[in-house]
mmCIF file of all heavy atoms, coordinates in Angstrom:
data_MODEL
# 
_entry.id   MODEL 
# 
loop_
_atom_site.group_PDB 
_atom_site.id 
_atom_site.type_symbol 
_atom_site.label_atom_id 
_atom_site.label_alt_id 
_atom_site.label_comp_id 
_atom_site.label_asym_id 
_atom_site.label_entity_id 
_atom_site.label_seq_id 
_atom_site.pdbx_PDB_ins_code 
_atom_site.Cartn_x 
_atom_site.Cartn_y 
_atom_site.Cartn_z 
_atom_site.occupancy 
_atom_site.B_iso_or_equiv 
_atom_site.pdbx_formal_charge 
_atom_site.auth_seq_id 
_atom_site.auth_comp_id 
_atom_site.auth_asym_id 
_atom_site.auth_atom_id 
_atom_site.pdbx_PDB_model_num 
ATOM 1   N N   . PRO A 1 1  ? 56.789 10.875 9.857   1.00 0.00 ? 1  PRO A N   1 
ATOM 2   C CA  . PRO A 1 1  ? 57.205 11.500 8.600   1.00 0.00 ? 1  PRO A CA  1 
ATOM 3   C C   . PRO A 1 1  ? 57.155 10.470 7.477   1.00 0.00 ? 1  PRO A C   1 
ATOM 4   O O   . PRO A 1 1  ? 57.329 9.280  7.728   1.00 0.00 ? 1  PRO A O   1 
ATOM 5   C CB  . PRO A 1 1  ? 58.632 11.967 8.869   1.00 0.00 ? 1  PRO A CB  1 
ATOM 6   C CG  . PRO A 1 1  ? 59.050 11.303 10.120  1.00 0.00 ? 1  PRO A CG  1 
ATOM 7   C CD  . PRO A 1 1  ? 57.841 10.805 10.832  1.00 0.00 ? 1  PRO A CD  1 
ATOM 8   N N   . PRO A 1 2  ? 56.890 10.911 6.266   1.00 0.00 ? 2  PRO A N   1 
ATOM 9   C CA  . PRO A 1 2  ? 56.827 9.950  5.159   1.00 0.00 ? 2  PRO A CA  1 
ATOM 10  C C   . PRO A 1 2  ? 58.175 9.290  4.923   1.00 0.00 ? 2  PRO A C   1 
ATOM 11  O O   . PRO A 1 2  ? 59.214 9.939  5.011   1.00 0.00 ? 2  PRO A O   1 
ATOM 12  C CB  . PRO A 1 2  ? 56.402 10.805 3.964   1.00 0.00 ? 2  PRO A CB  1 
ATOM 13  C CG  . PRO A 1 2  ? 56.657 12.206 4.351   1.00 0.00 ? 2  PRO A CG  1 
ATOM 14  C CD  . PRO A 1 2  ? 56.681 12.276 5.838   1.00 0.00 ? 2  PRO A CD  1 
ATOM 15  N N   . ALA A 1 3  ? 58.155 8.009  4.652   1.00 0.00 ? 3  ALA A N   1 
ATOM 16  C CA  . ALA A 1 3  ? 59.387 7.257  4.392   1.00 0.00 ? 3  ALA A CA  1 
ATOM 17  C C   . ALA A 1 3  ? 59.915 7.562  2.992   1.00 0.00 ? 3  ALA A C   1 
ATOM 18  O O   . ALA A 1 3  ? 61.113 7.475  2.752   1.00 0.00 ? 3  ALA A O   1 
ATOM 19  C CB  . ALA A 1 3  ? 59.124 5.764  4.550   1.00 0.00 ? 3  ALA A CB  1 
ATOM 20  N N   . GLU A 1 4  ? 59.016 7.920  2.090   1.00 0.00 ? 4  GLU A N   1 
ATOM 21  C CA  . GLU A 1 4  ? 59.410 8.210  0.708   1.00 0.00 ? 4  GLU A CA  1 
ATOM 22  C C   . GLU A 1 4  ? 60.162 9.531  0.635   1.00 0.00 ? 4  GLU A C   1 
ATOM 23  O O   . GLU A 1 4  ? 59.917 10.431 1.415   1.00 0.00 ? 4  GLU A O   1 
ATOM 24  C CB  . GLU A 1 4  ? 58.189 8.336  -0.189  1.00 0.00 ? 4  GLU A CB  1 
ATOM 25  C CG  . GLU A 1 4  ? 57.306 7.127  -0.244  1.00 0.00 ? 4  GLU A CG  1 
ATOM 26  C CD  . GLU A 1 4  ? 56.097 7.411  -1.110  1.00 0.00 ? 4  GLU A CD  1 
ATOM 27  O OE1 . GLU A 1 4  ? 56.293 7.637  -2.316  1.00 0.00 ? 4  GLU A OE1 1 
ATOM 28  O OE2 . GLU A 1 4  ? 54.999 7.426  -0.562  1.00 0.00 ? 4  GLU A OE2 1 
ATOM 29  N N   . ARG A 1 5  ? 61.034 9.638  -0.314  1.00 0.00 ? 5  ARG A N   1 
ATOM 30  C CA  . ARG A 1 5  ? 61.740 10.884 -0.602  1.00 0.00 ? 5  ARG A CA  1 
ATOM 31  C C   . ARG A 1 5  ? 61.833 11.024 -2.109  1.00 0.00 ? 5  ARG A C   1 
ATOM 32  O O   . ARG A 1 5  ? 61.863 10.042 -2.834  1.00 0.00 ? 5  ARG A O   1 
ATOM 33  C CB  . ARG A 1 5  ? 63.152 10.885 0.000   1.00 0.00 ? 5  ARG A CB  1 
ATOM 34  C CG  . ARG A 1 5  ? 63.174 10.817 1.507   1.00 0.00 ? 5  ARG A CG  1 
ATOM 35  C CD  . ARG A 1 5  ? 62.753 12.131 2.090   1.00 0.00 ? 5  ARG A CD  1 
ATOM 36  N NE  . ARG A 1 5  ? 62.825 12.067 3.547   1.00 0.00 ? 5  ARG A NE  1 
ATOM 37  C CZ  . ARG A 1 5  ? 62.012 12.731 4.328   1.00 0.00 ? 5  ARG A CZ  1 
ATOM 38  N NH1 . ARG A 1 5  ? 61.094 13.494 3.821   1.00 0.00 ? 5  ARG A NH1 1 
ATOM 39  N NH2 . ARG A 1 5  ? 62.104 12.651 5.621   1.00 0.00 ? 5  ARG A NH2 1 
ATOM 40  N N   . GLY A 1 6  ? 61.867 12.262 -2.577  1.00 0.00 ? 6  GLY A N   1 
ATOM 41  C CA  . GLY A 1 6  ? 62.074 12.510 -3.993  1.00 0.00 ? 6  GLY A CA  1 
ATOM 42  C C   . GLY A 1 6  ? 60.866 12.278 -4.876  1.00 0.00 ? 6  GLY A C   1 
ATOM 43  O O   . GLY A 1 6  ? 60.995 12.255 -6.086  1.00 0.00 ? 6  GLY A O   1 
ATOM 44  N N   . THR A 1 7  ? 59.683 12.104 -4.301  1.00 0.00 ? 7  THR A N   1 
ATOM 45  C CA  . THR A 1 7  ? 58.487 11.923 -5.119  1.00 0.00 ? 7  THR A CA  1 
ATOM 46  C C   . THR A 1 7  ? 57.789 13.259 -5.313  1.00 0.00 ? 7  THR A C   1 
ATOM 47  O O   . THR A 1 7  ? 58.100 14.248 -4.652  1.00 0.00 ? 7  THR A O   1 
ATOM 48  C CB  . THR A 1 7  ? 57.511 10.917 -4.472  1.00 0.00 ? 7  THR A CB  1 
ATOM 49  O OG1 . THR A 1 7  ? 57.059 11.458 -3.233  1.00 0.00 ? 7  THR A OG1 1 
ATOM 50  C CG2 . THR A 1 7  ? 58.171 9.575  -4.233  1.00 0.00 ? 7  THR A CG2 1 
ATOM 51  N N   . GLU A 1 8  ? 56.830 13.284 -6.181  1.00 0.00 ? 8  GLU A N   1 
ATOM 52  C CA  . GLU A 1 8  ? 56.098 14.518 -6.473  1.00 0.00 ? 8  GLU A CA  1 
ATOM 53  C C   . GLU A 1 8  ? 55.012 14.815 -5.439  1.00 0.00 ? 8  GLU A C   1 
ATOM 54  O O   . GLU A 1 8  ? 54.538 15.935 -5.354  1.00 0.00 ? 8  GLU A O   1 
ATOM 55  C CB  . GLU A 1 8  ? 55.475 14.442 -7.866  1.00 0.00 ? 8  GLU A CB  1 
ATOM 56  C CG  . GLU A 1 8  ? 56.504 14.360 -8.981  1.00 0.00 ? 8  GLU A CG  1 
ATOM 57  C CD  . GLU A 1 8  ? 57.450 15.561 -8.987  1.00 0.00 ? 8  GLU A CD  1 
ATOM 58  O OE1 . GLU A 1 8  ? 56.974 16.704 -9.110  1.00 0.00 ? 8  GLU A OE1 1 
ATOM 59  O OE2 . GLU A 1 8  ? 58.667 15.343 -8.865  1.00 0.00 ? 8  GLU A OE2 1 
ATOM 60  N N   . ARG A 1 9  ? 54.616 13.804 -4.648  1.00 0.00 ? 9  ARG A N   1 
ATOM 61  C CA  . ARG A 1 9  ? 53.546 13.992 -3.664  1.00 0.00 ? 9  ARG A CA  1 
ATOM 62  C C   . ARG A 1 9  ? 53.829 13.105 -2.458  1.00 0.00 ? 9  ARG A C   1 
ATOM 63  O O   . ARG A 1 9  ? 54.078 11.919 -2.588  1.00 0.00 ? 9  ARG A O   1 
ATOM 64  C CB  . ARG A 1 9  ? 52.198 13.602 -4.267  1.00 0.00 ? 9  ARG A CB  1 
ATOM 65  C CG  . ARG A 1 9  ? 51.017 13.876 -3.368  1.00 0.00 ? 9  ARG A CG  1 
ATOM 66  C CD  . ARG A 1 9  ? 49.720 13.470 -4.086  1.00 0.00 ? 9  ARG A CD  1 
ATOM 67  N NE  . ARG A 1 9  ? 48.550 13.787 -3.309  1.00 0.00 ? 9  ARG A NE  1 
ATOM 68  C CZ  . ARG A 1 9  ? 48.096 13.063 -2.290  1.00 0.00 ? 9  ARG A CZ  1 
ATOM 69  N NH1 . ARG A 1 9  ? 48.707 11.956 -1.934  1.00 0.00 ? 9  ARG A NH1 1 
ATOM 70  N NH2 . ARG A 1 9  ? 47.014 13.431 -1.634  1.00 0.00 ? 9  ARG A NH2 1 
ATOM 71  N N   . LEU A 1 10 ? 53.774 13.715 -1.274  1.00 0.00 ? 10 LEU A N   1 
ATOM 72  C CA  . LEU A 1 10 ? 53.949 12.987 -0.018  1.00 0.00 ? 10 LEU A CA  1 
ATOM 73  C C   . LEU A 1 10 ? 52.702 13.204 0.832   1.00 0.00 ? 10 LEU A C   1 
ATOM 74  O O   . LEU A 1 10 ? 52.062 14.251 0.748   1.00 0.00 ? 10 LEU A O   1 
ATOM 75  C CB  . LEU A 1 10 ? 55.173 13.500 0.747   1.00 0.00 ? 10 LEU A CB  1 
ATOM 76  C CG  . LEU A 1 10 ? 56.515 13.358 0.043   1.00 0.00 ? 10 LEU A CG  1 
ATOM 77  C CD1 . LEU A 1 10 ? 57.599 14.079 0.826   1.00 0.00 ? 10 LEU A CD1 1 
ATOM 78  C CD2 . LEU A 1 10 ? 56.871 11.900 -0.119  1.00 0.00 ? 10 LEU A CD2 1 
ATOM 79  N N   . GLU A 1 11 ? 52.374 12.230 1.666   1.00 0.00 ? 11 GLU A N   1 
ATOM 80  C CA  . GLU A 1 11 ? 51.187 12.356 2.517   1.00 0.00 ? 11 GLU A CA  1 
ATOM 81  C C   . GLU A 1 11 ? 51.518 11.888 3.933   1.00 0.00 ? 11 GLU A C   1 
ATOM 82  O O   . GLU A 1 11 ? 52.290 10.952 4.119   1.00 0.00 ? 11 GLU A O   1 
ATOM 83  C CB  . GLU A 1 11 ? 50.042 11.518 1.948   1.00 0.00 ? 11 GLU A CB  1 
ATOM 84  C CG  . GLU A 1 11 ? 48.730 11.771 2.650   1.00 0.00 ? 11 GLU A CG  1 
ATOM 85  C CD  . GLU A 1 11 ? 47.545 11.109 1.976   1.00 0.00 ? 11 GLU A CD  1 
ATOM 86  O OE1 . GLU A 1 11 ? 47.453 11.163 0.732   1.00 0.00 ? 11 GLU A OE1 1 
ATOM 87  O OE2 . GLU A 1 11 ? 46.706 10.538 2.704   1.00 0.00 ? 11 GLU A OE2 1 
ATOM 88  N N   . ILE A 1 12 ? 50.907 12.572 4.908   1.00 0.00 ? 12 ILE A N   1 
ATOM 89  C CA  . ILE A 1 12 ? 51.031 12.167 6.310   1.00 0.00 ? 12 ILE A CA  1 
ATOM 90  C C   . ILE A 1 12 ? 49.636 12.036 6.907   1.00 0.00 ? 12 ILE A C   1 
ATOM 91  O O   . ILE A 1 12 ? 48.687 12.662 6.437   1.00 0.00 ? 12 ILE A O   1 
ATOM 92  C CB  . ILE A 1 12 ? 51.861 13.166 7.151   1.00 0.00 ? 12 ILE A CB  1 
ATOM 93  C CG1 . ILE A 1 12 ? 51.200 14.549 7.180   1.00 0.00 ? 12 ILE A CG1 1 
ATOM 94  C CG2 . ILE A 1 12 ? 53.299 13.236 6.653   1.00 0.00 ? 12 ILE A CG2 1 
ATOM 95  C CD1 . ILE A 1 12 ? 51.820 15.514 8.173   1.00 0.00 ? 12 ILE A CD1 1 
ATOM 96  N N   . THR A 1 13 ? 49.530 11.210 7.942   1.00 0.00 ? 13 THR A N   1 
ATOM 97  C CA  . THR A 1 13 ? 48.286 11.080 8.704   1.00 0.00 ? 13 THR A CA  1 
ATOM 98  C C   . THR A 1 13 ? 48.642 11.196 10.176  1.00 0.00 ? 13 THR A C   1 
ATOM 99  O O   . THR A 1 13 ? 49.447 10.429 10.692  1.00 0.00 ? 13 THR A O   1 
ATOM 100 C CB  . THR A 1 13 ? 47.603 9.721  8.439   1.00 0.00 ? 13 THR A CB  1 
ATOM 101 O OG1 . THR A 1 13 ? 47.343 9.605  7.040   1.00 0.00 ? 13 THR A OG1 1 
ATOM 102 C CG2 . THR A 1 13 ? 46.290 9.608  9.206   1.00 0.00 ? 13 THR A CG2 1 
ATOM 103 N N   . ALA A 1 14 ? 48.050 12.164 10.854  1.00 0.00 ? 14 ALA A N   1 
ATOM 104 C CA  . ALA A 1 14 ? 48.307 12.398 12.274  1.00 0.00 ? 14 ALA A CA  1 
ATOM 105 C C   . ALA A 1 14 ? 47.483 11.430 13.119  1.00 0.00 ? 14 ALA A C   1 
ATOM 106 O O   . ALA A 1 14 ? 46.470 10.894 12.645  1.00 0.00 ? 14 ALA A O   1 
ATOM 107 C CB  . ALA A 1 14 ? 47.969 13.837 12.636  1.00 0.00 ? 14 ALA A CB  1 
ATOM 108 N N   . PRO A 1 15 ? 47.893 11.202 14.374  1.00 0.00 ? 15 PRO A N   1 
ATOM 109 C CA  . PRO A 1 15 ? 47.154 10.283 15.247  1.00 0.00 ? 15 PRO A CA  1 
ATOM 110 C C   . PRO A 1 15 ? 45.664 10.615 15.378  1.00 0.00 ? 15 PRO A C   1 
ATOM 111 O O   . PRO A 1 15 ? 44.846 9.725  15.475  1.00 0.00 ? 15 PRO A O   1 
ATOM 112 C CB  . PRO A 1 15 ? 47.870 10.424 16.592  1.00 0.00 ? 15 PRO A CB  1 
ATOM 113 C CG  . PRO A 1 15 ? 49.251 10.840 16.248  1.00 0.00 ? 15 PRO A CG  1 
ATOM 114 C CD  . PRO A 1 15 ? 49.104 11.698 15.014  1.00 0.00 ? 15 PRO A CD  1 
ATOM 115 N N   . GLY A 1 16 ? 45.276 11.888 15.322  1.00 0.00 ? 16 GLY A N   1 
ATOM 116 C CA  . GLY A 1 16 ? 43.871 12.272 15.419  1.00 0.00 ? 16 GLY A CA  1 
ATOM 117 C C   . GLY A 1 16 ? 43.099 12.112 14.124  1.00 0.00 ? 16 GLY A C   1 
ATOM 118 O O   . GLY A 1 16 ? 41.909 12.381 14.067  1.00 0.00 ? 16 GLY A O   1 
ATOM 119 N N   . GLY A 1 17 ? 43.772 11.675 13.055  1.00 0.00 ? 17 GLY A N   1 
ATOM 120 C CA  . GLY A 1 17 ? 43.099 11.441 11.784  1.00 0.00 ? 17 GLY A CA  1 
ATOM 121 C C   . GLY A 1 17 ? 43.304 12.531 10.748  1.00 0.00 ? 17 GLY A C   1 
ATOM 122 O O   . GLY A 1 17 ? 42.888 12.381 9.604   1.00 0.00 ? 17 GLY A O   1 
ATOM 123 N N   . THR A 1 18 ? 43.940 13.643 11.106  1.00 0.00 ? 18 THR A N   1 
ATOM 124 C CA  . THR A 1 18 ? 44.199 14.702 10.137  1.00 0.00 ? 18 THR A CA  1 
ATOM 125 C C   . THR A 1 18 ? 45.127 14.172 9.055   1.00 0.00 ? 18 THR A C   1 
ATOM 126 O O   . THR A 1 18 ? 46.159 13.584 9.348   1.00 0.00 ? 18 THR A O   1 
ATOM 127 C CB  . THR A 1 18 ? 44.852 15.922 10.822  1.00 0.00 ? 18 THR A CB  1 
ATOM 128 O OG1 . THR A 1 18 ? 43.964 16.424 11.810  1.00 0.00 ? 18 THR A OG1 1 
ATOM 129 C CG2 . THR A 1 18 ? 45.179 17.017 9.819   1.00 0.00 ? 18 THR A CG2 1 
ATOM 130 N N   . ARG A 1 19 ? 44.731 14.382 7.805   1.00 0.00 ? 19 ARG A N   1 
ATOM 131 C CA  . ARG A 1 19 ? 45.543 13.944 6.668   1.00 0.00 ? 19 ARG A CA  1 
ATOM 132 C C   . ARG A 1 19 ? 45.966 15.158 5.857   1.00 0.00 ? 19 ARG A C   1 
ATOM 133 O O   . ARG A 1 19 ? 45.157 16.026 5.570   1.00 0.00 ? 19 ARG A O   1 
ATOM 134 C CB  . ARG A 1 19 ? 44.768 12.972 5.789   1.00 0.00 ? 19 ARG A CB  1 
ATOM 135 C CG  . ARG A 1 19 ? 44.512 11.651 6.497   1.00 0.00 ? 19 ARG A CG  1 
ATOM 136 C CD  . ARG A 1 19 ? 43.634 10.739 5.713   1.00 0.00 ? 19 ARG A CD  1 
ATOM 137 N NE  . ARG A 1 19 ? 44.279 10.345 4.453   1.00 0.00 ? 19 ARG A NE  1 
ATOM 138 C CZ  . ARG A 1 19 ? 43.715 9.499  3.600   1.00 0.00 ? 19 ARG A CZ  1 
ATOM 139 N NH1 . ARG A 1 19 ? 42.534 8.970  3.854   1.00 0.00 ? 19 ARG A NH1 1 
ATOM 140 N NH2 . ARG A 1 19 ? 44.338 9.178  2.488   1.00 0.00 ? 19 ARG A NH2 1 
ATOM 141 N N   . MET A 1 20 ? 47.248 15.193 5.513   1.00 0.00 ? 20 MET A N   1 
ATOM 142 C CA  . MET A 1 20 ? 47.779 16.274 4.692   1.00 0.00 ? 20 MET A CA  1 
ATOM 143 C C   . MET A 1 20 ? 48.666 15.688 3.611   1.00 0.00 ? 20 MET A C   1 
ATOM 144 O O   . MET A 1 20 ? 49.330 14.678 3.830   1.00 0.00 ? 20 MET A O   1 
ATOM 145 C CB  . MET A 1 20 ? 48.597 17.253 5.543   1.00 0.00 ? 20 MET A CB  1 
ATOM 146 C CG  . MET A 1 20 ? 47.775 18.022 6.558   1.00 0.00 ? 20 MET A CG  1 
ATOM 147 S SD  . MET A 1 20 ? 48.776 19.233 7.463   1.00 0.00 ? 20 MET A SD  1 
ATOM 148 C CE  . MET A 1 20 ? 49.027 20.471 6.176   1.00 0.00 ? 20 MET A CE  1 
ATOM 149 N N   . ALA A 1 21 ? 48.673 16.355 2.465   1.00 0.00 ? 21 ALA A N   1 
ATOM 150 C CA  . ALA A 1 21 ? 49.538 15.960 1.358   1.00 0.00 ? 21 ALA A CA  1 
ATOM 151 C C   . ALA A 1 21 ? 50.349 17.174 0.931   1.00 0.00 ? 21 ALA A C   1 
ATOM 152 O O   . ALA A 1 21 ? 49.920 18.324 1.103   1.00 0.00 ? 21 ALA A O   1 
ATOM 153 C CB  . ALA A 1 21 ? 48.708 15.437 0.192   1.00 0.00 ? 21 ALA A CB  1 
ATOM 154 N N   . PHE A 1 22 ? 51.508 16.916 0.354   1.00 0.00 ? 22 PHE A N   1 
ATOM 155 C CA  . PHE A 1 22 ? 52.417 17.963 -0.069  1.00 0.00 ? 22 PHE A CA  1 
ATOM 156 C C   . PHE A 1 22 ? 52.854 17.638 -1.487  1.00 0.00 ? 22 PHE A C   1 
ATOM 157 O O   . PHE A 1 22 ? 53.472 16.607 -1.736  1.00 0.00 ? 22 PHE A O   1 
ATOM 158 C CB  . PHE A 1 22 ? 53.607 18.035 0.907   1.00 0.00 ? 22 PHE A CB  1 
ATOM 159 C CG  . PHE A 1 22 ? 53.128 18.107 2.323   1.00 0.00 ? 22 PHE A CG  1 
ATOM 160 C CD1 . PHE A 1 22 ? 52.981 16.945 3.076   1.00 0.00 ? 22 PHE A CD1 1 
ATOM 161 C CD2 . PHE A 1 22 ? 52.766 19.309 2.884   1.00 0.00 ? 22 PHE A CD2 1 
ATOM 162 C CE1 . PHE A 1 22 ? 52.493 16.988 4.364   1.00 0.00 ? 22 PHE A CE1 1 
ATOM 163 C CE2 . PHE A 1 22 ? 52.275 19.365 4.177   1.00 0.00 ? 22 PHE A CE2 1 
ATOM 164 C CZ  . PHE A 1 22 ? 52.135 18.204 4.924   1.00 0.00 ? 22 PHE A CZ  1 
ATOM 165 N N   . ARG A 1 23 ? 52.475 18.525 -2.427  1.00 0.00 ? 23 ARG A N   1 
ATOM 166 C CA  . ARG A 1 23 ? 52.702 18.273 -3.846  1.00 0.00 ? 23 ARG A CA  1 
ATOM 167 C C   . ARG A 1 23 ? 53.777 19.208 -4.378  1.00 0.00 ? 23 ARG A C   1 
ATOM 168 O O   . ARG A 1 23 ? 53.715 20.419 -4.154  1.00 0.00 ? 23 ARG A O   1 
ATOM 169 C CB  . ARG A 1 23 ? 51.415 18.481 -4.623  1.00 0.00 ? 23 ARG A CB  1 
ATOM 170 C CG  . ARG A 1 23 ? 51.487 18.043 -6.075  1.00 0.00 ? 23 ARG A CG  1 
ATOM 171 C CD  . ARG A 1 23 ? 50.187 18.298 -6.799  1.00 0.00 ? 23 ARG A CD  1 
ATOM 172 N NE  . ARG A 1 23 ? 49.933 19.704 -7.009  1.00 0.00 ? 23 ARG A NE  1 
ATOM 173 C CZ  . ARG A 1 23 ? 50.392 20.410 -8.043  1.00 0.00 ? 23 ARG A CZ  1 
ATOM 174 N NH1 . ARG A 1 23 ? 51.139 19.845 -8.955  1.00 0.00 ? 23 ARG A NH1 1 
ATOM 175 N NH2 . ARG A 1 23 ? 50.098 21.686 -8.157  1.00 0.00 ? 23 ARG A NH2 1 
ATOM 176 N N   . ARG A 1 24 ? 54.764 18.614 -5.060  1.00 0.00 ? 24 ARG A N   1 
ATOM 177 C CA  . ARG A 1 24 ? 55.868 19.417 -5.603  1.00 0.00 ? 24 ARG A CA  1 
ATOM 178 C C   . ARG A 1 24 ? 55.360 20.323 -6.719  1.00 0.00 ? 24 ARG A C   1 
ATOM 179 O O   . ARG A 1 24 ? 54.716 19.881 -7.663  1.00 0.00 ? 24 ARG A O   1 
ATOM 180 C CB  . ARG A 1 24 ? 56.970 18.510 -6.138  1.00 0.00 ? 24 ARG A CB  1 
ATOM 181 C CG  . ARG A 1 24 ? 58.237 19.257 -6.519  1.00 0.00 ? 24 ARG A CG  1 
ATOM 182 C CD  . ARG A 1 24 ? 59.350 18.338 -6.986  1.00 0.00 ? 24 ARG A CD  1 
ATOM 183 N NE  . ARG A 1 24 ? 59.588 17.214 -6.100  1.00 0.00 ? 24 ARG A NE  1 
ATOM 184 C CZ  . ARG A 1 24 ? 60.296 17.248 -4.952  1.00 0.00 ? 24 ARG A CZ  1 
ATOM 185 N NH1 . ARG A 1 24 ? 60.822 18.386 -4.554  1.00 0.00 ? 24 ARG A NH1 1 
ATOM 186 N NH2 . ARG A 1 24 ? 60.476 16.158 -4.238  1.00 0.00 ? 24 ARG A NH2 1 
ATOM 187 N N   . ASP A 1 25 ? 55.662 21.612 -6.588  1.00 0.00 ? 25 ASP A N   1 
ATOM 188 C CA  . ASP A 1 25 ? 55.350 22.609 -7.605  1.00 0.00 ? 25 ASP A CA  1 
ATOM 189 C C   . ASP A 1 25 ? 56.554 23.545 -7.653  1.00 0.00 ? 25 ASP A C   1 
ATOM 190 O O   . ASP A 1 25 ? 56.738 24.359 -6.747  1.00 0.00 ? 25 ASP A O   1 
ATOM 191 C CB  . ASP A 1 25 ? 54.077 23.368 -7.241  1.00 0.00 ? 25 ASP A CB  1 
ATOM 192 C CG  . ASP A 1 25 ? 53.727 24.467 -8.225  1.00 0.00 ? 25 ASP A CG  1 
ATOM 193 O OD1 . ASP A 1 25 ? 54.518 24.731 -9.150  1.00 0.00 ? 25 ASP A OD1 1 
ATOM 194 O OD2 . ASP A 1 25 ? 52.657 25.074 -8.065  1.00 0.00 ? 25 ASP A OD2 1 
ATOM 195 N N   . HIS A 1 26 ? 57.369 23.415 -8.691  1.00 0.00 ? 26 HIS A N   1 
ATOM 196 C CA  . HIS A 1 26 ? 58.604 24.199 -8.776  1.00 0.00 ? 26 HIS A CA  1 
ATOM 197 C C   . HIS A 1 26 ? 58.333 25.696 -8.885  1.00 0.00 ? 26 HIS A C   1 
ATOM 198 O O   . HIS A 1 26 ? 59.205 26.494 -8.565  1.00 0.00 ? 26 HIS A O   1 
ATOM 199 C CB  . HIS A 1 26 ? 59.464 23.715 -9.942  1.00 0.00 ? 26 HIS A CB  1 
ATOM 200 C CG  . HIS A 1 26 ? 59.926 22.303 -9.763  1.00 0.00 ? 26 HIS A CG  1 
ATOM 201 N ND1 . HIS A 1 26 ? 60.903 21.955 -8.864  1.00 0.00 ? 26 HIS A ND1 1 
ATOM 202 C CD2 . HIS A 1 26 ? 59.520 21.146 -10.337 1.00 0.00 ? 26 HIS A CD2 1 
ATOM 203 C CE1 . HIS A 1 26 ? 61.102 20.656 -8.900  1.00 0.00 ? 26 HIS A CE1 1 
ATOM 204 N NE2 . HIS A 1 26 ? 60.269 20.128 -9.782  1.00 0.00 ? 26 HIS A NE2 1 
ATOM 205 N N   . GLY A 1 27 ? 57.133 26.078 -9.281  1.00 0.00 ? 27 GLY A N   1 
ATOM 206 C CA  . GLY A 1 27 ? 56.789 27.499 -9.391  1.00 0.00 ? 27 GLY A CA  1 
ATOM 207 C C   . GLY A 1 27 ? 55.965 28.013 -8.220  1.00 0.00 ? 27 GLY A C   1 
ATOM 208 O O   . GLY A 1 27 ? 55.404 29.095 -8.304  1.00 0.00 ? 27 GLY A O   1 
# 
């Protein structure tokens, strides 16, 4: 899990190489 908290964008990378990002959108 990402160590950062409270940012507008978080990213993870799975052991198989899959990369995902999560961007804050209040709407």
